[in-house]
N, C-alpha and C. Protein backbone atom coordinates (compact mmCIF):
# COMPACT_ATOMS: atom_id res chain seq x y z
N MET A 1 2.23 -84.90 86.18
CA MET A 1 2.64 -86.24 85.87
C MET A 1 4.16 -86.30 85.80
N LYS A 2 4.72 -87.20 86.52
CA LYS A 2 6.15 -87.33 86.65
C LYS A 2 6.63 -88.47 85.74
N THR A 3 7.63 -88.17 84.90
CA THR A 3 8.14 -89.22 84.02
C THR A 3 9.52 -89.62 84.52
N ASP A 4 9.73 -90.87 84.59
CA ASP A 4 11.03 -91.41 85.00
C ASP A 4 11.86 -91.68 83.74
N THR A 5 13.09 -91.25 83.81
CA THR A 5 13.96 -91.53 82.67
C THR A 5 14.62 -92.89 82.88
N ILE A 6 14.68 -93.64 81.83
CA ILE A 6 15.31 -94.96 81.90
C ILE A 6 16.75 -94.81 81.44
N ASN A 7 17.63 -95.27 82.28
CA ASN A 7 19.05 -95.19 81.99
C ASN A 7 19.47 -96.48 81.30
N ILE A 8 19.73 -96.41 80.01
CA ILE A 8 20.15 -97.59 79.27
C ILE A 8 21.64 -97.82 79.45
N SER A 9 22.38 -96.74 79.53
CA SER A 9 23.83 -96.82 79.61
C SER A 9 24.32 -95.88 80.71
N PRO A 10 25.43 -96.24 81.36
CA PRO A 10 25.99 -95.33 82.36
C PRO A 10 26.68 -94.13 81.71
N VAL A 11 26.74 -94.12 80.39
CA VAL A 11 27.41 -93.06 79.65
C VAL A 11 26.38 -92.03 79.22
N ASN A 12 26.74 -90.76 79.26
CA ASN A 12 25.86 -89.71 78.76
C ASN A 12 25.94 -89.72 77.23
N MET A 13 24.97 -90.40 76.62
CA MET A 13 25.00 -90.62 75.18
C MET A 13 24.85 -89.31 74.39
N GLY A 14 24.13 -88.37 74.92
CA GLY A 14 23.93 -87.09 74.24
C GLY A 14 25.24 -86.33 74.08
N ASP A 15 26.06 -86.33 75.13
CA ASP A 15 27.35 -85.64 75.06
C ASP A 15 28.28 -86.29 74.03
N ARG A 16 28.32 -87.62 74.03
CA ARG A 16 29.19 -88.33 73.10
C ARG A 16 28.73 -88.12 71.66
N LYS A 17 27.41 -88.09 71.46
CA LYS A 17 26.87 -87.89 70.12
C LYS A 17 27.19 -86.47 69.64
N ALA A 18 27.16 -85.50 70.57
CA ALA A 18 27.39 -84.10 70.22
C ALA A 18 28.86 -83.81 69.87
N LEU A 19 29.77 -84.71 70.28
CA LEU A 19 31.18 -84.50 69.95
C LEU A 19 31.40 -84.44 68.43
N GLY A 20 30.70 -85.27 67.71
CA GLY A 20 30.85 -85.29 66.26
C GLY A 20 32.24 -85.70 65.81
N ILE A 21 32.73 -86.80 66.35
CA ILE A 21 34.05 -87.29 65.98
C ILE A 21 34.03 -87.71 64.52
N LYS A 22 35.05 -87.29 63.76
CA LYS A 22 35.13 -87.67 62.35
C LYS A 22 36.58 -87.94 61.98
N ALA A 23 36.79 -88.54 60.82
CA ALA A 23 38.14 -88.87 60.35
C ALA A 23 38.95 -87.59 60.22
N GLY A 24 40.21 -87.66 60.64
CA GLY A 24 41.09 -86.50 60.58
C GLY A 24 41.24 -85.79 61.90
N ASP A 25 40.37 -86.08 62.85
CA ASP A 25 40.49 -85.46 64.18
C ASP A 25 41.62 -86.13 64.96
N THR A 26 42.30 -85.34 65.75
CA THR A 26 43.26 -85.90 66.71
C THR A 26 42.56 -85.88 68.06
N VAL A 27 42.40 -87.08 68.62
CA VAL A 27 41.64 -87.19 69.87
C VAL A 27 42.50 -87.80 70.96
N ARG A 28 42.10 -87.52 72.21
CA ARG A 28 42.71 -88.13 73.39
C ARG A 28 41.59 -88.86 74.11
N VAL A 29 41.68 -90.18 74.13
CA VAL A 29 40.66 -91.01 74.75
C VAL A 29 41.18 -91.48 76.10
N TRP A 30 40.45 -91.18 77.15
CA TRP A 30 40.83 -91.61 78.50
C TRP A 30 40.10 -92.90 78.81
N VAL A 31 40.88 -93.99 78.94
CA VAL A 31 40.32 -95.32 79.13
C VAL A 31 40.51 -95.73 80.59
N LYS A 32 39.44 -96.33 81.17
CA LYS A 32 39.53 -96.85 82.54
C LYS A 32 40.16 -98.23 82.48
N ILE A 33 41.19 -98.43 83.30
CA ILE A 33 41.88 -99.72 83.34
C ILE A 33 41.84 -100.24 84.77
N GLN A 34 41.40 -101.49 84.92
CA GLN A 34 41.32 -102.14 86.23
C GLN A 34 42.61 -102.93 86.45
N GLU A 35 43.31 -102.63 87.53
CA GLU A 35 44.51 -103.37 87.90
C GLU A 35 44.52 -103.60 89.41
N LYS A 36 44.59 -104.84 89.79
CA LYS A 36 44.68 -105.22 91.21
C LYS A 36 43.60 -104.55 92.06
N GLY A 37 42.42 -104.53 91.56
CA GLY A 37 41.31 -103.96 92.32
C GLY A 37 41.23 -102.45 92.26
N LYS A 38 42.16 -101.80 91.59
CA LYS A 38 42.14 -100.35 91.47
C LYS A 38 41.83 -99.96 90.04
N THR A 39 41.24 -98.82 89.88
CA THR A 39 40.94 -98.30 88.55
C THR A 39 41.81 -97.07 88.30
N ARG A 40 42.48 -97.07 87.16
CA ARG A 40 43.28 -95.91 86.79
C ARG A 40 42.89 -95.48 85.38
N LEU A 41 43.26 -94.26 85.02
CA LEU A 41 42.96 -93.73 83.69
C LEU A 41 44.23 -93.72 82.86
N GLN A 42 44.08 -94.13 81.61
CA GLN A 42 45.20 -94.13 80.68
C GLN A 42 44.77 -93.41 79.40
N ALA A 43 45.60 -92.49 78.94
CA ALA A 43 45.27 -91.72 77.74
C ALA A 43 45.79 -92.44 76.50
N PHE A 44 44.98 -92.40 75.44
CA PHE A 44 45.38 -92.93 74.13
C PHE A 44 45.13 -91.80 73.15
N GLU A 45 46.20 -91.14 72.71
CA GLU A 45 46.05 -89.98 71.83
C GLU A 45 46.54 -90.33 70.44
N GLY A 46 45.71 -90.04 69.44
CA GLY A 46 46.10 -90.33 68.07
C GLY A 46 45.11 -89.77 67.07
N LEU A 47 45.31 -90.14 65.83
CA LEU A 47 44.51 -89.67 64.70
C LEU A 47 43.34 -90.61 64.47
N VAL A 48 42.16 -90.04 64.27
CA VAL A 48 40.98 -90.86 63.97
C VAL A 48 41.06 -91.24 62.50
N LEU A 49 41.15 -92.54 62.23
CA LEU A 49 41.22 -93.01 60.85
C LEU A 49 39.82 -93.19 60.26
N ALA A 50 38.89 -93.66 61.09
CA ALA A 50 37.56 -93.94 60.57
C ALA A 50 36.53 -93.93 61.68
N THR A 51 35.30 -93.60 61.33
CA THR A 51 34.16 -93.78 62.23
C THR A 51 33.18 -94.67 61.50
N LYS A 52 32.54 -95.55 62.23
CA LYS A 52 31.58 -96.48 61.62
C LYS A 52 30.28 -96.46 62.40
N HIS A 53 29.22 -96.68 61.69
CA HIS A 53 27.86 -96.80 62.24
C HIS A 53 27.32 -95.50 62.82
N GLY A 54 27.85 -94.39 62.32
CA GLY A 54 27.29 -93.08 62.67
C GLY A 54 27.25 -92.78 64.15
N ALA A 55 26.04 -92.50 64.66
CA ALA A 55 25.88 -92.17 66.07
C ALA A 55 24.96 -93.16 66.77
N GLU A 56 24.73 -94.31 66.15
CA GLU A 56 23.84 -95.31 66.76
C GLU A 56 24.52 -96.03 67.92
N ALA A 57 23.84 -96.95 68.51
CA ALA A 57 24.32 -97.59 69.73
C ALA A 57 25.62 -98.38 69.51
N GLY A 58 25.82 -98.91 68.32
CA GLY A 58 27.02 -99.71 68.05
C GLY A 58 28.12 -98.92 67.35
N ALA A 59 28.09 -97.61 67.43
CA ALA A 59 29.07 -96.78 66.73
C ALA A 59 30.47 -97.00 67.27
N THR A 60 31.45 -97.02 66.36
CA THR A 60 32.86 -97.18 66.74
C THR A 60 33.71 -96.16 66.00
N PHE A 61 34.91 -95.91 66.54
CA PHE A 61 35.89 -95.08 65.85
C PHE A 61 37.27 -95.69 66.06
N THR A 62 38.09 -95.59 65.02
CA THR A 62 39.43 -96.17 65.04
C THR A 62 40.45 -95.07 65.23
N VAL A 63 41.35 -95.24 66.19
CA VAL A 63 42.38 -94.25 66.50
C VAL A 63 43.75 -94.89 66.28
N ARG A 64 44.64 -94.16 65.60
CA ARG A 64 46.00 -94.65 65.34
C ARG A 64 47.01 -93.70 65.95
N LYS A 65 48.00 -94.29 66.63
CA LYS A 65 49.11 -93.51 67.16
C LYS A 65 50.40 -94.26 66.91
N VAL A 66 51.52 -93.56 66.99
CA VAL A 66 52.83 -94.19 66.85
C VAL A 66 53.48 -94.15 68.22
N SER A 67 53.78 -95.33 68.73
CA SER A 67 54.38 -95.45 70.05
C SER A 67 55.71 -96.17 69.92
N LEU A 68 56.80 -95.48 70.25
CA LEU A 68 58.15 -96.02 70.18
C LEU A 68 58.47 -96.55 68.79
N GLY A 69 58.00 -95.83 67.77
CA GLY A 69 58.29 -96.20 66.39
C GLY A 69 57.39 -97.27 65.82
N VAL A 70 56.41 -97.71 66.58
CA VAL A 70 55.49 -98.75 66.11
C VAL A 70 54.09 -98.16 66.05
N GLY A 71 53.42 -98.35 64.94
CA GLY A 71 52.06 -97.86 64.79
C GLY A 71 51.09 -98.75 65.56
N VAL A 72 50.23 -98.12 66.35
CA VAL A 72 49.24 -98.85 67.16
C VAL A 72 47.86 -98.31 66.82
N GLU A 73 46.96 -99.20 66.48
CA GLU A 73 45.58 -98.80 66.20
C GLU A 73 44.67 -99.45 67.22
N ARG A 74 43.65 -98.71 67.59
CA ARG A 74 42.70 -99.23 68.56
C ARG A 74 41.30 -98.80 68.15
N ILE A 75 40.38 -99.72 68.22
CA ILE A 75 38.98 -99.43 67.88
C ILE A 75 38.20 -99.27 69.17
N PHE A 76 37.56 -98.11 69.32
CA PHE A 76 36.79 -97.81 70.53
C PHE A 76 35.30 -97.78 70.19
N PRO A 77 34.47 -98.42 71.01
CA PRO A 77 33.03 -98.19 70.89
C PRO A 77 32.72 -96.78 71.42
N LEU A 78 31.93 -96.04 70.70
CA LEU A 78 31.65 -94.65 71.05
C LEU A 78 31.00 -94.52 72.43
N TYR A 79 30.09 -95.43 72.74
CA TYR A 79 29.33 -95.34 74.00
C TYR A 79 29.82 -96.34 75.05
N SER A 80 31.07 -96.73 74.99
CA SER A 80 31.60 -97.70 75.93
C SER A 80 31.73 -97.10 77.33
N PRO A 81 31.29 -97.82 78.37
CA PRO A 81 31.46 -97.32 79.74
C PRO A 81 32.92 -97.36 80.21
N SER A 82 33.79 -98.10 79.49
CA SER A 82 35.19 -98.14 79.89
C SER A 82 35.94 -96.88 79.44
N ILE A 83 35.29 -96.04 78.63
CA ILE A 83 35.89 -94.76 78.24
C ILE A 83 35.40 -93.70 79.22
N ASP A 84 36.35 -93.05 79.90
CA ASP A 84 35.99 -92.02 80.87
C ASP A 84 35.59 -90.74 80.15
N LYS A 85 36.46 -90.27 79.25
CA LYS A 85 36.12 -89.08 78.48
C LYS A 85 36.88 -89.08 77.17
N ILE A 86 36.40 -88.29 76.24
CA ILE A 86 37.03 -88.14 74.94
C ILE A 86 37.28 -86.66 74.71
N GLU A 87 38.53 -86.30 74.41
CA GLU A 87 38.88 -84.91 74.14
C GLU A 87 39.29 -84.80 72.68
N ILE A 88 38.77 -83.82 71.98
CA ILE A 88 39.22 -83.57 70.62
C ILE A 88 40.32 -82.50 70.71
N VAL A 89 41.54 -82.91 70.34
CA VAL A 89 42.69 -82.03 70.46
C VAL A 89 42.80 -81.13 69.24
N LYS A 90 42.65 -81.71 68.04
CA LYS A 90 42.77 -80.97 66.79
C LYS A 90 41.72 -81.45 65.81
N ARG A 91 41.31 -80.56 64.94
CA ARG A 91 40.41 -80.93 63.84
C ARG A 91 41.13 -80.61 62.55
N ALA A 92 41.05 -81.52 61.59
CA ALA A 92 41.67 -81.30 60.29
C ALA A 92 40.63 -81.54 59.21
N ASN A 93 40.69 -80.73 58.15
CA ASN A 93 39.81 -80.94 57.01
C ASN A 93 40.45 -81.99 56.12
N VAL A 94 39.78 -83.10 55.96
CA VAL A 94 40.29 -84.18 55.12
C VAL A 94 39.29 -84.44 54.00
N ARG A 95 39.78 -85.03 52.93
CA ARG A 95 38.93 -85.28 51.77
C ARG A 95 38.41 -86.70 51.72
N ARG A 96 38.72 -87.49 52.70
CA ARG A 96 38.30 -88.90 52.72
C ARG A 96 37.52 -89.18 54.00
N ALA A 97 36.63 -90.15 53.91
CA ALA A 97 35.88 -90.55 55.10
C ALA A 97 36.68 -91.58 55.90
N LYS A 98 37.51 -92.34 55.21
CA LYS A 98 38.36 -93.34 55.87
C LYS A 98 39.80 -93.05 55.48
N LEU A 99 40.66 -92.92 56.46
CA LEU A 99 42.05 -92.55 56.22
C LEU A 99 42.99 -93.74 56.34
N TYR A 100 42.60 -94.88 55.79
CA TYR A 100 43.42 -96.08 55.88
C TYR A 100 44.72 -95.94 55.10
N HIS A 101 44.77 -95.04 54.14
CA HIS A 101 45.99 -94.85 53.36
C HIS A 101 47.14 -94.28 54.20
N ILE A 102 46.82 -93.77 55.38
CA ILE A 102 47.87 -93.24 56.27
C ILE A 102 48.84 -94.37 56.67
N ARG A 103 48.33 -95.58 56.81
CA ARG A 103 49.19 -96.72 57.17
C ARG A 103 50.28 -96.90 56.12
N ASP A 104 49.89 -96.90 54.86
CA ASP A 104 50.85 -97.10 53.77
C ASP A 104 51.79 -95.92 53.65
N LYS A 105 51.26 -94.73 53.89
CA LYS A 105 52.09 -93.52 53.79
C LYS A 105 53.22 -93.57 54.81
N VAL A 106 52.91 -93.97 56.02
CA VAL A 106 53.92 -94.06 57.07
C VAL A 106 54.94 -95.12 56.71
N ALA A 107 54.48 -96.26 56.17
CA ALA A 107 55.40 -97.33 55.78
C ALA A 107 56.34 -96.86 54.68
N ARG A 108 55.82 -96.09 53.73
CA ARG A 108 56.66 -95.56 52.65
C ARG A 108 57.72 -94.61 53.19
N GLU A 109 57.34 -93.75 54.13
CA GLU A 109 58.29 -92.82 54.71
C GLU A 109 59.41 -93.56 55.44
N ILE A 110 59.05 -94.61 56.15
CA ILE A 110 60.05 -95.38 56.88
C ILE A 110 61.00 -96.07 55.90
N LYS A 111 60.44 -96.63 54.81
CA LYS A 111 61.30 -97.27 53.81
C LYS A 111 62.25 -96.25 53.19
N ARG A 112 61.77 -95.06 52.95
CA ARG A 112 62.60 -94.00 52.37
C ARG A 112 63.74 -93.66 53.33
N GLN A 113 63.43 -93.58 54.61
CA GLN A 113 64.47 -93.27 55.60
C GLN A 113 65.48 -94.41 55.71
N MET A 114 65.00 -95.64 55.58
CA MET A 114 65.88 -96.80 55.69
C MET A 114 66.86 -96.85 54.52
N ARG A 115 66.48 -96.36 53.34
CA ARG A 115 67.38 -96.34 52.20
C ARG A 115 68.59 -95.45 52.47
N LYS A 116 68.39 -94.38 53.23
CA LYS A 116 69.46 -93.44 53.51
C LYS A 116 70.40 -93.96 54.60
N MET A 117 69.96 -94.93 55.35
CA MET A 117 70.78 -95.44 56.45
C MET A 117 71.82 -96.42 55.94
N SER A 118 72.89 -96.57 56.66
CA SER A 118 73.91 -97.56 56.33
C SER A 118 74.10 -98.47 57.53
N LEU A 119 74.44 -99.71 57.24
CA LEU A 119 74.65 -100.67 58.31
C LEU A 119 76.00 -100.41 58.96
N VAL A 120 76.02 -100.42 60.26
CA VAL A 120 77.24 -100.17 61.01
C VAL A 120 77.35 -101.28 62.05
N LYS A 121 78.54 -101.83 62.14
CA LYS A 121 78.74 -102.86 63.15
C LYS A 121 79.60 -102.27 64.25
N ILE A 122 78.94 -101.81 65.27
CA ILE A 122 79.63 -101.21 66.42
C ILE A 122 79.18 -101.95 67.66
N SER A 123 80.13 -102.40 68.43
CA SER A 123 79.77 -103.05 69.68
C SER A 123 80.89 -102.84 70.67
N SER A 124 80.55 -103.01 71.91
CA SER A 124 81.57 -102.91 72.95
C SER A 124 82.17 -104.29 73.16
N LEU A 125 83.37 -104.33 73.70
CA LEU A 125 84.03 -105.60 73.94
C LEU A 125 83.88 -106.01 75.40
N SER A 126 83.79 -107.31 75.61
CA SER A 126 83.77 -107.80 76.98
C SER A 126 85.19 -107.70 77.54
N ASP A 127 85.34 -107.93 78.82
CA ASP A 127 86.65 -107.81 79.45
C ASP A 127 87.65 -108.80 78.84
N GLY A 128 87.21 -110.01 78.60
CA GLY A 128 88.09 -111.03 78.01
C GLY A 128 88.51 -110.64 76.60
N GLU A 129 87.57 -110.17 75.79
CA GLU A 129 87.89 -109.74 74.43
C GLU A 129 88.84 -108.55 74.45
N GLU A 130 88.65 -107.64 75.41
CA GLU A 130 89.49 -106.46 75.52
C GLU A 130 90.93 -106.85 75.84
N THR A 131 91.12 -107.79 76.80
CA THR A 131 92.47 -108.22 77.14
C THR A 131 93.11 -108.96 75.97
N ASP A 132 92.34 -109.77 75.25
CA ASP A 132 92.87 -110.45 74.06
C ASP A 132 93.30 -109.44 73.01
N ARG A 133 92.50 -108.40 72.80
CA ARG A 133 92.81 -107.39 71.80
C ARG A 133 94.10 -106.65 72.19
N ILE A 134 94.24 -106.31 73.48
CA ILE A 134 95.44 -105.60 73.94
C ILE A 134 96.67 -106.49 73.78
N ALA A 135 96.55 -107.77 74.14
CA ALA A 135 97.69 -108.70 74.00
C ALA A 135 98.07 -108.84 72.53
N LYS A 136 97.11 -108.92 71.66
CA LYS A 136 97.38 -109.05 70.22
C LYS A 136 98.08 -107.80 69.69
N GLU A 137 97.62 -106.62 70.13
CA GLU A 137 98.26 -105.37 69.69
C GLU A 137 99.70 -105.30 70.18
N GLU A 138 99.95 -105.73 71.43
CA GLU A 138 101.31 -105.72 71.97
C GLU A 138 102.20 -106.68 71.20
N ALA A 139 101.67 -107.87 70.87
CA ALA A 139 102.45 -108.85 70.12
C ALA A 139 102.78 -108.31 68.72
N GLU A 140 101.82 -107.66 68.09
CA GLU A 140 102.06 -107.07 66.77
C GLU A 140 103.11 -105.97 66.86
N ALA A 141 103.06 -105.16 67.91
CA ALA A 141 104.03 -104.09 68.08
C ALA A 141 105.43 -104.67 68.29
N GLU A 142 105.56 -105.73 69.09
CA GLU A 142 106.85 -106.38 69.33
C GLU A 142 107.39 -106.98 68.03
N ALA A 143 106.51 -107.61 67.27
CA ALA A 143 106.93 -108.22 66.00
C ALA A 143 107.41 -107.14 65.04
N LYS A 144 106.74 -106.01 65.03
CA LYS A 144 107.14 -104.90 64.17
C LYS A 144 108.51 -104.36 64.57
N VAL A 145 108.74 -104.23 65.88
CA VAL A 145 110.02 -103.73 66.36
C VAL A 145 111.14 -104.70 66.00
N THR A 146 110.93 -105.99 66.21
CA THR A 146 111.97 -106.97 65.87
C THR A 146 112.22 -107.00 64.36
N ALA A 147 111.18 -106.86 63.56
CA ALA A 147 111.35 -106.82 62.10
C ALA A 147 112.16 -105.59 61.70
N GLU A 148 111.92 -104.46 62.35
CA GLU A 148 112.69 -103.25 62.06
C GLU A 148 114.15 -103.42 62.44
N LYS A 149 114.43 -104.06 63.60
CA LYS A 149 115.80 -104.28 64.04
C LYS A 149 116.54 -105.20 63.06
N GLU A 150 115.84 -106.26 62.62
CA GLU A 150 116.44 -107.18 61.66
C GLU A 150 116.73 -106.46 60.34
N ALA A 151 115.82 -105.61 59.91
CA ALA A 151 116.02 -104.86 58.67
C ALA A 151 117.22 -103.91 58.81
N GLU A 152 117.36 -103.27 59.97
CA GLU A 152 118.49 -102.37 60.21
C GLU A 152 119.81 -103.15 60.21
N ALA A 153 119.81 -104.32 60.87
CA ALA A 153 121.03 -105.14 60.94
C ALA A 153 121.42 -105.60 59.54
N LYS A 154 120.46 -105.99 58.74
CA LYS A 154 120.72 -106.44 57.38
C LYS A 154 121.25 -105.28 56.55
N ALA A 155 120.66 -104.10 56.72
CA ALA A 155 121.11 -102.93 55.98
C ALA A 155 122.55 -102.56 56.38
N GLU A 156 122.88 -102.68 57.67
CA GLU A 156 124.24 -102.39 58.14
C GLU A 156 125.23 -103.39 57.56
N ALA A 157 124.82 -104.66 57.54
CA ALA A 157 125.70 -105.70 57.00
C ALA A 157 125.97 -105.44 55.52
N GLU A 158 124.95 -105.07 54.78
CA GLU A 158 125.13 -104.78 53.36
C GLU A 158 126.02 -103.54 53.17
N ALA A 159 125.84 -102.55 54.03
CA ALA A 159 126.66 -101.35 53.93
C ALA A 159 128.13 -101.68 54.20
N LYS A 160 128.39 -102.53 55.17
CA LYS A 160 129.76 -102.93 55.49
C LYS A 160 130.36 -103.70 54.32
N ALA A 161 129.55 -104.58 53.76
CA ALA A 161 130.06 -105.39 52.63
C ALA A 161 130.40 -104.49 51.45
N SER A 162 129.58 -103.49 51.18
CA SER A 162 129.87 -102.60 50.05
C SER A 162 131.08 -101.73 50.34
N GLU A 163 131.28 -101.34 51.61
CA GLU A 163 132.45 -100.55 51.98
C GLU A 163 133.72 -101.37 51.79
N GLU A 164 133.67 -102.61 52.23
CA GLU A 164 134.83 -103.48 52.09
C GLU A 164 135.18 -103.68 50.62
N ALA A 165 134.15 -103.81 49.81
CA ALA A 165 134.40 -104.01 48.38
C ALA A 165 135.02 -102.76 47.78
N ASN A 166 134.62 -101.59 48.23
CA ASN A 166 135.18 -100.35 47.71
C ASN A 166 136.58 -100.07 48.27
N ASN A 167 136.84 -100.50 49.48
CA ASN A 167 138.10 -100.21 50.13
C ASN A 167 139.21 -101.16 49.71
N GLU A 168 138.90 -102.23 49.09
CA GLU A 168 139.94 -103.16 48.70
C GLU A 168 140.84 -102.46 47.70
N THR A 169 142.07 -102.40 48.04
CA THR A 169 143.00 -101.77 47.12
C THR A 169 143.56 -102.86 46.23
N VAL A 170 143.59 -102.48 45.04
CA VAL A 170 144.10 -103.45 44.09
C VAL A 170 145.65 -103.30 44.07
N VAL A 171 146.27 -104.34 44.48
CA VAL A 171 147.73 -104.33 44.52
C VAL A 171 148.21 -104.99 43.21
N GLU A 172 148.96 -104.16 42.47
CA GLU A 172 149.46 -104.70 41.21
C GLU A 172 150.85 -105.26 41.44
N THR A 173 151.00 -106.38 40.92
CA THR A 173 152.32 -106.98 41.01
C THR A 173 153.12 -106.55 39.78
N PRO A 174 154.37 -106.24 39.99
CA PRO A 174 155.16 -105.81 38.85
C PRO A 174 155.27 -106.92 37.82
N THR A 175 155.22 -106.52 36.62
CA THR A 175 155.29 -107.49 35.53
C THR A 175 156.70 -107.95 35.23
N GLU A 176 157.62 -107.22 35.75
CA GLU A 176 159.04 -107.63 35.55
C GLU A 176 159.35 -108.80 36.43
N GLU A 177 160.02 -109.65 35.86
CA GLU A 177 160.41 -110.79 36.65
C GLU A 177 161.78 -110.50 37.29
N VAL A 178 161.82 -110.82 38.44
CA VAL A 178 163.06 -110.55 39.16
C VAL A 178 163.94 -111.80 38.97
N LYS A 179 165.16 -111.56 38.55
CA LYS A 179 166.08 -112.70 38.35
C LYS A 179 167.08 -112.69 39.48
N GLU A 180 167.39 -113.84 39.86
CA GLU A 180 168.34 -113.94 40.93
C GLU A 180 169.61 -114.53 40.47
């Protein structure tokens, strides 16, 4: 007697069930993406935060990764045909079934790092701003030079005046009256 197997899903459900994905695992999920009539594979690697609904038909798992400094979470159906394969990269022993506290932990670390940072205003200048800055610096330099020349001239004038005051000889006129 020949028995025909009924294919409910295009996915090998036994293999996916045998993976035993649990919170704390680091997984790489290869997702099929349709673009312009072509199918390509894209990897989504991150930490499993939670699994829901066990190994039944509607089972899901949540994966979190940090991409360019932004946390990204994605919920995958375990038996989805859009998933090509699932690789378990690392297994970690965790004490929780749901690792939602990781979100807050990451936010706290970022806040801690932000406290150590200081605001800096650094920018490049456009060509017009650069020429204005150069012209302003030249004008300030010219003003400084003219102020120094004026100060030197004033100092010389004061020095001459003090010399003249010191050089004046006091001519005493005789107190005797001359009689004619």
